[in-house]
Amino acid sequence: LRVMRIPFAEDPSNADEGFERVRMRKLLGALEEAG
């Protein structure tokens, strides 16, 4: 997107830890270090 200069929107709910998927997304960062 950045290279092609394509516009897009950031959904603020993607940072809302009230949603299970967002919590799993953040957990993935820690799990990545453990393989």
PDB file of all heavy atoms in Angstrom:
ATOM      1  N   LEU A   1       0.821  -1.209   0.000  1.00  0.00           N
ATOM      2  CA  LEU A   1       0.000   0.000   0.000  1.00  0.00           C
ATOM      3  C   LEU A   1       0.855   1.260   0.000  1.00  0.00           C
ATOM      4  O   LEU A   1       0.558   2.228  -0.716  1.00  0.00           O
ATOM      5  CB  LEU A   1      -0.917  -0.001   1.226  1.00  0.00           C
ATOM      6  CG  LEU A   1      -2.058  -1.026   1.247  1.00  0.00           C
ATOM      7  CD1 LEU A   1      -2.726  -1.042   2.614  1.00  0.00           C
ATOM      8  CD2 LEU A   1      -3.081  -0.720   0.163  1.00  0.00           C
ATOM      9  N   ARG A   2       1.896   1.238   0.828  1.00  0.00           N
ATOM     10  CA  ARG A   2       2.755   2.431   0.900  1.00  0.00           C
ATOM     11  C   ARG A   2       3.490   2.666  -0.416  1.00  0.00           C
ATOM     12  O   ARG A   2       3.573   3.810  -0.899  1.00  0.00           O
ATOM     13  CB  ARG A   2       3.756   2.284   2.045  1.00  0.00           C
ATOM     14  CG  ARG A   2       3.123   2.348   3.436  1.00  0.00           C
ATOM     15  CD  ARG A   2       4.178   2.532   4.514  1.00  0.00           C
ATOM     16  NE  ARG A   2       5.101   1.395   4.582  1.00  0.00           N
ATOM     17  CZ  ARG A   2       4.905   0.320   5.335  1.00  0.00           C
ATOM     18  NH1 ARG A   2       3.809   0.221   6.074  1.00  0.00           N
ATOM     19  NH2 ARG A   2       5.793  -0.647   5.353  1.00  0.00           N
ATOM     20  N   VAL A   3       4.028   1.604  -1.003  1.00  0.00           N
ATOM     21  CA  VAL A   3       4.774   1.740  -2.262  1.00  0.00           C
ATOM     22  C   VAL A   3       3.851   2.221  -3.381  1.00  0.00           C
ATOM     23  O   VAL A   3       4.214   3.090  -4.181  1.00  0.00           O
ATOM     24  CB  VAL A   3       5.435   0.398  -2.635  1.00  0.00           C
ATOM     25  CG1 VAL A   3       5.980   0.444  -4.055  1.00  0.00           C
ATOM     26  CG2 VAL A   3       6.545   0.054  -1.647  1.00  0.00           C
ATOM     27  N   MET A   4       2.652   1.664  -3.440  1.00  0.00           N
ATOM     28  CA  MET A   4       1.709   2.008  -4.508  1.00  0.00           C
ATOM     29  C   MET A   4       0.888   3.257  -4.189  1.00  0.00           C
ATOM     30  O   MET A   4       0.099   3.708  -5.014  1.00  0.00           O
ATOM     31  CB  MET A   4       0.766   0.827  -4.761  1.00  0.00           C
ATOM     32  CG  MET A   4       1.469  -0.470  -5.119  1.00  0.00           C
ATOM     33  SD  MET A   4       2.432  -0.366  -6.634  1.00  0.00           S
ATOM     34  CE  MET A   4       1.124  -0.227  -7.836  1.00  0.00           C
ATOM     35  N   ARG A   5       1.080   3.802  -2.976  1.00  0.00           N
ATOM     36  CA  ARG A   5       0.360   5.000  -2.530  1.00  0.00           C
ATOM     37  C   ARG A   5      -1.156   4.827  -2.641  1.00  0.00           C
ATOM     38  O   ARG A   5      -1.879   5.673  -3.172  1.00  0.00           O
ATOM     39  CB  ARG A   5       0.820   6.218  -3.322  1.00  0.00           C
ATOM     40  CG  ARG A   5       2.286   6.532  -3.114  1.00  0.00           C
ATOM     41  CD  ARG A   5       2.692   7.815  -3.772  1.00  0.00           C
ATOM     42  NE  ARG A   5       4.097   8.107  -3.510  1.00  0.00           N
ATOM     43  CZ  ARG A   5       4.745   9.202  -3.950  1.00  0.00           C
ATOM     44  NH1 ARG A   5       4.074  10.100  -4.671  1.00  0.00           N
ATOM     45  NH2 ARG A   5       6.016   9.379  -3.663  1.00  0.00           N
ATOM     46  N   ILE A   6      -1.606   3.713  -2.095  1.00  0.00           N
ATOM     47  CA  ILE A   6      -3.034   3.386  -2.099  1.00  0.00           C
ATOM     48  C   ILE A   6      -3.624   3.814  -0.766  1.00  0.00           C
ATOM     49  O   ILE A   6      -3.100   3.459   0.292  1.00  0.00           O
ATOM     50  CB  ILE A   6      -3.230   1.873  -2.316  1.00  0.00           C
ATOM     51  CG1 ILE A   6      -2.644   1.458  -3.667  1.00  0.00           C
ATOM     52  CG2 ILE A   6      -4.709   1.501  -2.224  1.00  0.00           C
ATOM     53  CD1 ILE A   6      -2.503  -0.032  -3.834  1.00  0.00           C
ATOM     54  N   PRO A   7      -4.699   4.575  -0.774  1.00  0.00           N
ATOM     55  CA  PRO A   7      -5.292   5.024   0.494  1.00  0.00           C
ATOM     56  C   PRO A   7      -5.967   3.873   1.231  1.00  0.00           C
ATOM     57  O   PRO A   7      -6.480   2.942   0.614  1.00  0.00           O
ATOM     58  CB  PRO A   7      -6.325   6.063   0.044  1.00  0.00           C
ATOM     59  CG  PRO A   7      -6.704   5.627  -1.338  1.00  0.00           C
ATOM     60  CD  PRO A   7      -5.451   5.057  -1.951  1.00  0.00           C
ATOM     61  N   PHE A   8      -5.963   3.930   2.546  1.00  0.00           N
ATOM     62  CA  PHE A   8      -6.682   2.952   3.351  1.00  0.00           C
ATOM     63  C   PHE A   8      -6.976   3.559   4.715  1.00  0.00           C
ATOM     64  O   PHE A   8      -6.381   4.564   5.104  1.00  0.00           O
ATOM     65  CB  PHE A   8      -5.894   1.641   3.498  1.00  0.00           C
ATOM     66  CG  PHE A   8      -4.634   1.751   4.316  1.00  0.00           C
ATOM     67  CD1 PHE A   8      -4.632   1.393   5.660  1.00  0.00           C
ATOM     68  CD2 PHE A   8      -3.438   2.205   3.742  1.00  0.00           C
ATOM     69  CE1 PHE A   8      -3.472   1.475   6.420  1.00  0.00           C
ATOM     70  CE2 PHE A   8      -2.281   2.293   4.494  1.00  0.00           C
ATOM     71  CZ  PHE A   8      -2.298   1.941   5.834  1.00  0.00           C
ATOM     72  N   ALA A   9      -7.885   2.937   5.422  1.00  0.00           N
ATOM     73  CA  ALA A   9      -8.305   3.434   6.738  1.00  0.00           C
ATOM     74  C   ALA A   9      -7.825   2.487   7.824  1.00  0.00           C
ATOM     75  O   ALA A   9      -7.765   1.267   7.612  1.00  0.00           O
ATOM     76  CB  ALA A   9      -9.826   3.572   6.792  1.00  0.00           C
ATOM     77  N   GLU A  10      -7.522   3.047   8.993  1.00  0.00           N
ATOM     78  CA  GLU A  10      -7.175   2.240  10.156  1.00  0.00           C
ATOM     79  C   GLU A  10      -8.419   2.131  11.044  1.00  0.00           C
ATOM     80  O   GLU A  10      -8.964   3.144  11.478  1.00  0.00           O
ATOM     81  CB  GLU A  10      -6.027   2.873  10.937  1.00  0.00           C
ATOM     82  CG  GLU A  10      -4.674   2.764  10.260  1.00  0.00           C
ATOM     83  CD  GLU A  10      -4.095   1.355  10.294  1.00  0.00           C
ATOM     84  OE1 GLU A  10      -4.784   0.429  10.777  1.00  0.00           O
ATOM     85  OE2 GLU A  10      -2.959   1.172   9.821  1.00  0.00           O
ATOM     86  N   ASP A  11      -8.857   0.904  11.298  1.00  0.00           N
ATOM     87  CA  ASP A  11     -10.025   0.672  12.140  1.00  0.00           C
ATOM     88  C   ASP A  11      -9.609   0.747  13.605  1.00  0.00           C
ATOM     89  O   ASP A  11      -8.811  -0.079  14.066  1.00  0.00           O
ATOM     90  CB  ASP A  11     -10.604  -0.710  11.822  1.00  0.00           C
ATOM     91  CG  ASP A  11     -11.880  -1.015  12.598  1.00  0.00           C
ATOM     92  OD1 ASP A  11     -12.215  -0.251  13.515  1.00  0.00           O
ATOM     93  OD2 ASP A  11     -12.533  -2.030  12.277  1.00  0.00           O
ATOM     94  N   PRO A  12     -10.099   1.718  14.368  1.00  0.00           N
ATOM     95  CA  PRO A  12      -9.689   1.838  15.773  1.00  0.00           C
ATOM     96  C   PRO A  12     -10.077   0.635  16.623  1.00  0.00           C
ATOM     97  O   PRO A  12      -9.462   0.395  17.667  1.00  0.00           O
ATOM     98  CB  PRO A  12     -10.423   3.101  16.254  1.00  0.00           C
ATOM     99  CG  PRO A  12     -11.544   3.308  15.278  1.00  0.00           C
ATOM    100  CD  PRO A  12     -11.050   2.779  13.978  1.00  0.00           C
ATOM    101  N   SER A  13     -11.058  -0.127  16.197  1.00  0.00           N
ATOM    102  CA  SER A  13     -11.437  -1.313  16.974  1.00  0.00           C
ATOM    103  C   SER A  13     -10.349  -2.380  16.951  1.00  0.00           C
ATOM    104  O   SER A  13     -10.355  -3.297  17.772  1.00  0.00           O
ATOM    105  CB  SER A  13     -12.752  -1.897  16.447  1.00  0.00           C
ATOM    106  OG  SER A  13     -12.597  -2.386  15.127  1.00  0.00           O
ATOM    107  N   ASN A  14      -9.380  -2.261  16.016  1.00  0.00           N
ATOM    108  CA  ASN A  14      -8.273  -3.207  15.967  1.00  0.00           C
ATOM    109  C   ASN A  14      -7.343  -3.066  17.173  1.00  0.00           C
ATOM    110  O   ASN A  14      -6.458  -3.900  17.368  1.00  0.00           O
ATOM    111  CB  ASN A  14      -7.465  -3.024  14.673  1.00  0.00           C
ATOM    112  CG  ASN A  14      -8.215  -3.558  13.464  1.00  0.00           C
ATOM    113  OD1 ASN A  14      -9.052  -4.452  13.586  1.00  0.00           O
ATOM    114  ND2 ASN A  14      -7.922  -3.003  12.301  1.00  0.00           N
ATOM    115  N   ALA A  15      -7.515  -2.012  17.948  1.00  0.00           N
ATOM    116  CA  ALA A  15      -6.720  -1.823  19.161  1.00  0.00           C
ATOM    117  C   ALA A  15      -7.543  -2.022  20.425  1.00  0.00           C
ATOM    118  O   ALA A  15      -7.045  -1.844  21.538  1.00  0.00           O
ATOM    119  CB  ALA A  15      -6.101  -0.421  19.160  1.00  0.00           C
ATOM    120  N   ASP A  16      -8.797  -2.413  20.271  1.00  0.00           N
ATOM    121  CA  ASP A  16      -9.707  -2.569  21.413  1.00  0.00           C
ATOM    122  C   ASP A  16      -9.586  -3.984  21.981  1.00  0.00           C
ATOM    123  O   ASP A  16     -10.061  -4.948  21.383  1.00  0.00           O
ATOM    124  CB  ASP A  16     -11.146  -2.300  20.964  1.00  0.00           C
ATOM    125  CG  ASP A  16     -12.138  -2.334  22.113  1.00  0.00           C
ATOM    126  OD1 ASP A  16     -11.748  -2.728  23.240  1.00  0.00           O
ATOM    127  OD2 ASP A  16     -13.310  -1.985  21.889  1.00  0.00           O
ATOM    128  N   GLU A  17      -8.968  -4.107  23.137  1.00  0.00           N
ATOM    129  CA  GLU A  17      -8.747  -5.421  23.728  1.00  0.00           C
ATOM    130  C   GLU A  17     -10.020  -6.026  24.317  1.00  0.00           C
ATOM    131  O   GLU A  17      -9.992  -7.120  24.891  1.00  0.00           O
ATOM    132  CB  GLU A  17      -7.656  -5.341  24.795  1.00  0.00           C
ATOM    133  CG  GLU A  17      -6.291  -5.028  24.218  1.00  0.00           C
ATOM    134  CD  GLU A  17      -5.163  -5.272  25.208  1.00  0.00           C
ATOM    135  OE1 GLU A  17      -5.279  -6.176  26.060  1.00  0.00           O
ATOM    136  OE2 GLU A  17      -4.162  -4.552  25.124  1.00  0.00           O
ATOM    137  N   GLY A  18     -11.120  -5.337  24.180  1.00  0.00           N
ATOM    138  CA  GLY A  18     -12.392  -5.933  24.537  1.00  0.00           C
ATOM    139  C   GLY A  18     -12.792  -7.030  23.563  1.00  0.00           C
ATOM    140  O   GLY A  18     -13.658  -7.861  23.872  1.00  0.00           O
ATOM    141  N   PHE A  19     -12.160  -7.051  22.383  1.00  0.00           N
ATOM    142  CA  PHE A  19     -12.416  -8.072  21.382  1.00  0.00           C
ATOM    143  C   PHE A  19     -11.374  -9.183  21.487  1.00  0.00           C
ATOM    144  O   PHE A  19     -10.174  -8.918  21.571  1.00  0.00           O
ATOM    145  CB  PHE A  19     -12.388  -7.483  19.974  1.00  0.00           C
ATOM    146  CG  PHE A  19     -13.495  -6.485  19.709  1.00  0.00           C
ATOM    147  CD1 PHE A  19     -13.186  -5.164  19.427  1.00  0.00           C
ATOM    148  CD2 PHE A  19     -14.819  -6.868  19.754  1.00  0.00           C
ATOM    149  CE1 PHE A  19     -14.189  -4.241  19.185  1.00  0.00           C
ATOM    150  CE2 PHE A  19     -15.840  -5.953  19.515  1.00  0.00           C
ATOM    151  CZ  PHE A  19     -15.516  -4.635  19.231  1.00  0.00           C
ATOM    152  N   GLU A  20     -11.854 -10.411  21.450  1.00  0.00           N
ATOM    153  CA  GLU A  20     -10.947 -11.559  21.592  1.00  0.00           C
ATOM    154  C   GLU A  20      -9.884 -11.581  20.508  1.00  0.00           C
ATOM    155  O   GLU A  20      -8.714 -11.879  20.774  1.00  0.00           O
ATOM    156  CB  GLU A  20     -11.763 -12.859  21.541  1.00  0.00           C
ATOM    157  CG  GLU A  20     -10.919 -14.110  21.701  1.00  0.00           C
ATOM    158  CD  GLU A  20     -11.702 -15.391  21.470  1.00  0.00           C
ATOM    159  OE1 GLU A  20     -12.780 -15.317  20.839  1.00  0.00           O
ATOM    160  OE2 GLU A  20     -11.234 -16.456  21.904  1.00  0.00           O
ATOM    161  N   ARG A  21     -10.271 -11.257  19.265  1.00  0.00           N
ATOM    162  CA  ARG A  21      -9.289 -11.316  18.182  1.00  0.00           C
ATOM    163  C   ARG A  21      -8.140 -10.342  18.408  1.00  0.00           C
ATOM    164  O   ARG A  21      -6.989 -10.644  18.089  1.00  0.00           O
ATOM    165  CB  ARG A  21      -9.974 -11.042  16.835  1.00  0.00           C
ATOM    166  CG  ARG A  21      -9.033 -11.157  15.645  1.00  0.00           C
ATOM    167  CD  ARG A  21      -9.784 -11.098  14.335  1.00  0.00           C
ATOM    168  NE  ARG A  21     -10.592 -12.275  14.095  1.00  0.00           N
ATOM    169  CZ  ARG A  21     -10.129 -13.418  13.590  1.00  0.00           C
ATOM    170  NH1 ARG A  21      -8.836 -13.537  13.285  1.00  0.00           N
ATOM    171  NH2 ARG A  21     -10.932 -14.432  13.378  1.00  0.00           N
ATOM    172  N   VAL A  22      -8.439  -9.191  18.957  1.00  0.00           N
ATOM    173  CA  VAL A  22      -7.381  -8.209  19.231  1.00  0.00           C
ATOM    174  C   VAL A  22      -6.426  -8.749  20.302  1.00  0.00           C
ATOM    175  O   VAL A  22      -5.205  -8.592  20.206  1.00  0.00           O
ATOM    176  CB  VAL A  22      -7.991  -6.865  19.662  1.00  0.00           C
ATOM    177  CG1 VAL A  22      -6.894  -5.879  20.060  1.00  0.00           C
ATOM    178  CG2 VAL A  22      -8.838  -6.288  18.533  1.00  0.00           C
ATOM    179  N   ARG A  23      -6.977  -9.396  21.315  1.00  0.00           N
ATOM    180  CA  ARG A  23      -6.119  -9.985  22.360  1.00  0.00           C
ATOM    181  C   ARG A  23      -5.232 -11.078  21.772  1.00  0.00           C
ATOM    182  O   ARG A  23      -4.054 -11.181  22.124  1.00  0.00           O
ATOM    183  CB  ARG A  23      -6.980 -10.548  23.489  1.00  0.00           C
ATOM    184  CG  ARG A  23      -7.799  -9.494  24.233  1.00  0.00           C
ATOM    185  CD  ARG A  23      -8.348 -10.023  25.540  1.00  0.00           C
ATOM    186  NE  ARG A  23      -9.269 -11.149  25.367  1.00  0.00           N
ATOM    187  CZ  ARG A  23     -10.572 -11.025  25.144  1.00  0.00           C
ATOM    188  NH1 ARG A  23     -11.123  -9.818  25.056  1.00  0.00           N
ATOM    189  NH2 ARG A  23     -11.336 -12.089  25.015  1.00  0.00           N
ATOM    190  N   MET A  24      -5.769 -11.890  20.878  1.00  0.00           N
ATOM    191  CA  MET A  24      -4.960 -12.930  20.236  1.00  0.00           C
ATOM    192  C   MET A  24      -3.882 -12.312  19.354  1.00  0.00           C
ATOM    193  O   MET A  24      -2.764 -12.825  19.264  1.00  0.00           O
ATOM    194  CB  MET A  24      -5.858 -13.847  19.401  1.00  0.00           C
ATOM    195  CG  MET A  24      -6.846 -14.664  20.197  1.00  0.00           C
ATOM    196  SD  MET A  24      -6.088 -15.790  21.398  1.00  0.00           S
ATOM    197  CE  MET A  24      -6.482 -14.928  22.936  1.00  0.00           C
ATOM    198  N   ARG A  25      -4.219 -11.210  18.706  1.00  0.00           N
ATOM    199  CA  ARG A  25      -3.248 -10.522  17.841  1.00  0.00           C
ATOM    200  C   ARG A  25      -2.046 -10.059  18.657  1.00  0.00           C
ATOM    201  O   ARG A  25      -0.894 -10.187  18.232  1.00  0.00           O
ATOM    202  CB  ARG A  25      -3.945  -9.342  17.157  1.00  0.00           C
ATOM    203  CG  ARG A  25      -3.124  -8.635  16.095  1.00  0.00           C
ATOM    204  CD  ARG A  25      -4.026  -7.672  15.336  1.00  0.00           C
ATOM    205  NE  ARG A  25      -5.125  -8.399  14.687  1.00  0.00           N
ATOM    206  CZ  ARG A  25      -6.224  -7.824  14.217  1.00  0.00           C
ATOM    207  NH1 ARG A  25      -6.394  -6.523  14.332  1.00  0.00           N
ATOM    208  NH2 ARG A  25      -7.165  -8.547  13.653  1.00  0.00           N
ATOM    209  N   LYS A  26      -2.305  -9.526  19.830  1.00  0.00           N
ATOM    210  CA  LYS A  26      -1.213  -9.057  20.683  1.00  0.00           C
ATOM    211  C   LYS A  26      -0.442 -10.232  21.268  1.00  0.00           C
ATOM    212  O   LYS A  26       0.781 -10.165  21.425  1.00  0.00           O
ATOM    213  CB  LYS A  26      -1.777  -8.167  21.780  1.00  0.00           C
ATOM    214  CG  LYS A  26      -2.369  -6.872  21.228  1.00  0.00           C
ATOM    215  CD  LYS A  26      -2.642  -5.843  22.298  1.00  0.00           C
ATOM    216  CE  LYS A  26      -3.089  -4.525  21.663  1.00  0.00           C
ATOM    217  NZ  LYS A  26      -3.310  -3.462  22.652  1.00  0.00           N
ATOM    218  N   LEU A  27      -1.134 -11.306  21.574  1.00  0.00           N
ATOM    219  CA  LEU A  27      -0.467 -12.495  22.092  1.00  0.00           C
ATOM    220  C   LEU A  27       0.474 -13.095  21.070  1.00  0.00           C
ATOM    221  O   LEU A  27       1.533 -13.637  21.416  1.00  0.00           O
ATOM    222  CB  LEU A  27      -1.523 -13.525  22.506  1.00  0.00           C
ATOM    223  CG  LEU A  27      -1.028 -14.870  23.048  1.00  0.00           C
ATOM    224  CD1 LEU A  27      -0.165 -14.655  24.295  1.00  0.00           C
ATOM    225  CD2 LEU A  27      -2.204 -15.790  23.340  1.00  0.00           C
ATOM    226  N   LEU A  28       0.118 -13.002  19.790  1.00  0.00           N
ATOM    227  CA  LEU A  28       0.964 -13.560  18.736  1.00  0.00           C
ATOM    228  C   LEU A  28       2.362 -12.965  18.752  1.00  0.00           C
ATOM    229  O   LEU A  28       3.343 -13.648  18.438  1.00  0.00           O
ATOM    230  CB  LEU A  28       0.322 -13.322  17.364  1.00  0.00           C
ATOM    231  CG  LEU A  28      -0.584 -14.425  16.822  1.00  0.00           C
ATOM    232  CD1 LEU A  28      -1.252 -13.975  15.541  1.00  0.00           C
ATOM    233  CD2 LEU A  28       0.211 -15.698  16.590  1.00  0.00           C
ATOM    234  N   GLY A  29       2.469 -11.680  19.121  1.00  0.00           N
ATOM    235  CA  GLY A  29       3.778 -11.045  19.174  1.00  0.00           C
ATOM    236  C   GLY A  29       4.699 -11.748  20.152  1.00  0.00           C
ATOM    237  O   GLY A  29       5.880 -12.001  19.858  1.00  0.00           O
ATOM    238  N   ALA A  30       4.167 -12.098  21.321  1.00  0.00           N
ATOM    239  CA  ALA A  30       4.974 -12.795  22.326  1.00  0.00           C
ATOM    240  C   ALA A  30       5.259 -14.233  21.894  1.00  0.00           C
ATOM    241  O   ALA A  30       6.365 -14.754  22.106  1.00  0.00           O
ATOM    242  CB  ALA A  30       4.247 -12.775  23.668  1.00  0.00           C
ATOM    243  N   LEU A  31       4.281 -14.874  21.280  1.00  0.00           N
ATOM    244  CA  LEU A  31       4.463 -16.259  20.860  1.00  0.00           C
ATOM    245  C   LEU A  31       5.492 -16.377  19.734  1.00  0.00           C
ATOM    246  O   LEU A  31       6.168 -17.406  19.612  1.00  0.00           O
ATOM    247  CB  LEU A  31       3.127 -16.837  20.395  1.00  0.00           C
ATOM    248  CG  LEU A  31       2.067 -17.040  21.482  1.00  0.00           C
ATOM    249  CD1 LEU A  31       0.757 -17.501  20.855  1.00  0.00           C
ATOM    250  CD2 LEU A  31       2.538 -18.049  22.515  1.00  0.00           C
ATOM    251  N   GLU A  32       5.592 -15.342  18.910  1.00  0.00           N
ATOM    252  CA  GLU A  32       6.550 -15.356  17.798  1.00  0.00           C
ATOM    253  C   GLU A  32       7.962 -15.592  18.312  1.00  0.00           C
ATOM    254  O   GLU A  32       8.751 -16.339  17.704  1.00  0.00           O
ATOM    255  CB  GLU A  32       6.459 -14.032  17.039  1.00  0.00           C
ATOM    256  CG  GLU A  32       7.134 -14.043  15.678  1.00  0.00           C
ATOM    257  CD  GLU A  32       6.248 -14.639  14.593  1.00  0.00           C
ATOM    258  OE1 GLU A  32       5.110 -14.181  14.420  1.00  0.00           O
ATOM    259  OE2 GLU A  32       6.728 -15.565  13.910  1.00  0.00           O
ATOM    260  N   GLU A  33       8.292 -14.960  19.433  1.00  0.00           N
ATOM    261  CA  GLU A  33       9.635 -15.095  19.999  1.00  0.00           C
ATOM    262  C   GLU A  33       9.912 -16.518  20.454  1.00  0.00           C
ATOM    263  O   GLU A  33      11.063 -16.950  20.512  1.00  0.00           O
ATOM    264  CB  GLU A  33       9.797 -14.125  21.167  1.00  0.00           C
ATOM    265  CG  GLU A  33       9.677 -12.659  20.767  1.00  0.00           C
ATOM    266  CD  GLU A  33       9.767 -11.727  21.967  1.00  0.00           C
ATOM    267  OE1 GLU A  33      10.033 -12.243  23.087  1.00  0.00           O
ATOM    268  OE2 GLU A  33       9.594 -10.516  21.785  1.00  0.00           O
ATOM    269  N   ALA A  34       8.849 -17.263  20.782  1.00  0.00           N
ATOM    270  CA  ALA A  34       9.016 -18.644  21.241  1.00  0.00           C
ATOM    271  C   ALA A  34       8.875 -19.646  20.092  1.00  0.00           C
ATOM    272  O   ALA A  34       8.825 -20.853  20.323  1.00  0.00           O
ATOM    273  CB  ALA A  34       7.989 -18.948  22.325  1.00  0.00           C
ATOM    274  N   GLY A  35       8.785 -19.138  18.862  1.00  0.00           N
ATOM    275  CA  GLY A  35       8.659 -20.016  17.709  1.00  0.00           C
ATOM    276  C   GLY A  35       7.254 -20.499  17.445  1.00  0.00           C
ATOM    277  O   GLY A  35       7.041 -21.442  16.667  1.00  0.00           O
TER     278      GLY A  35
END
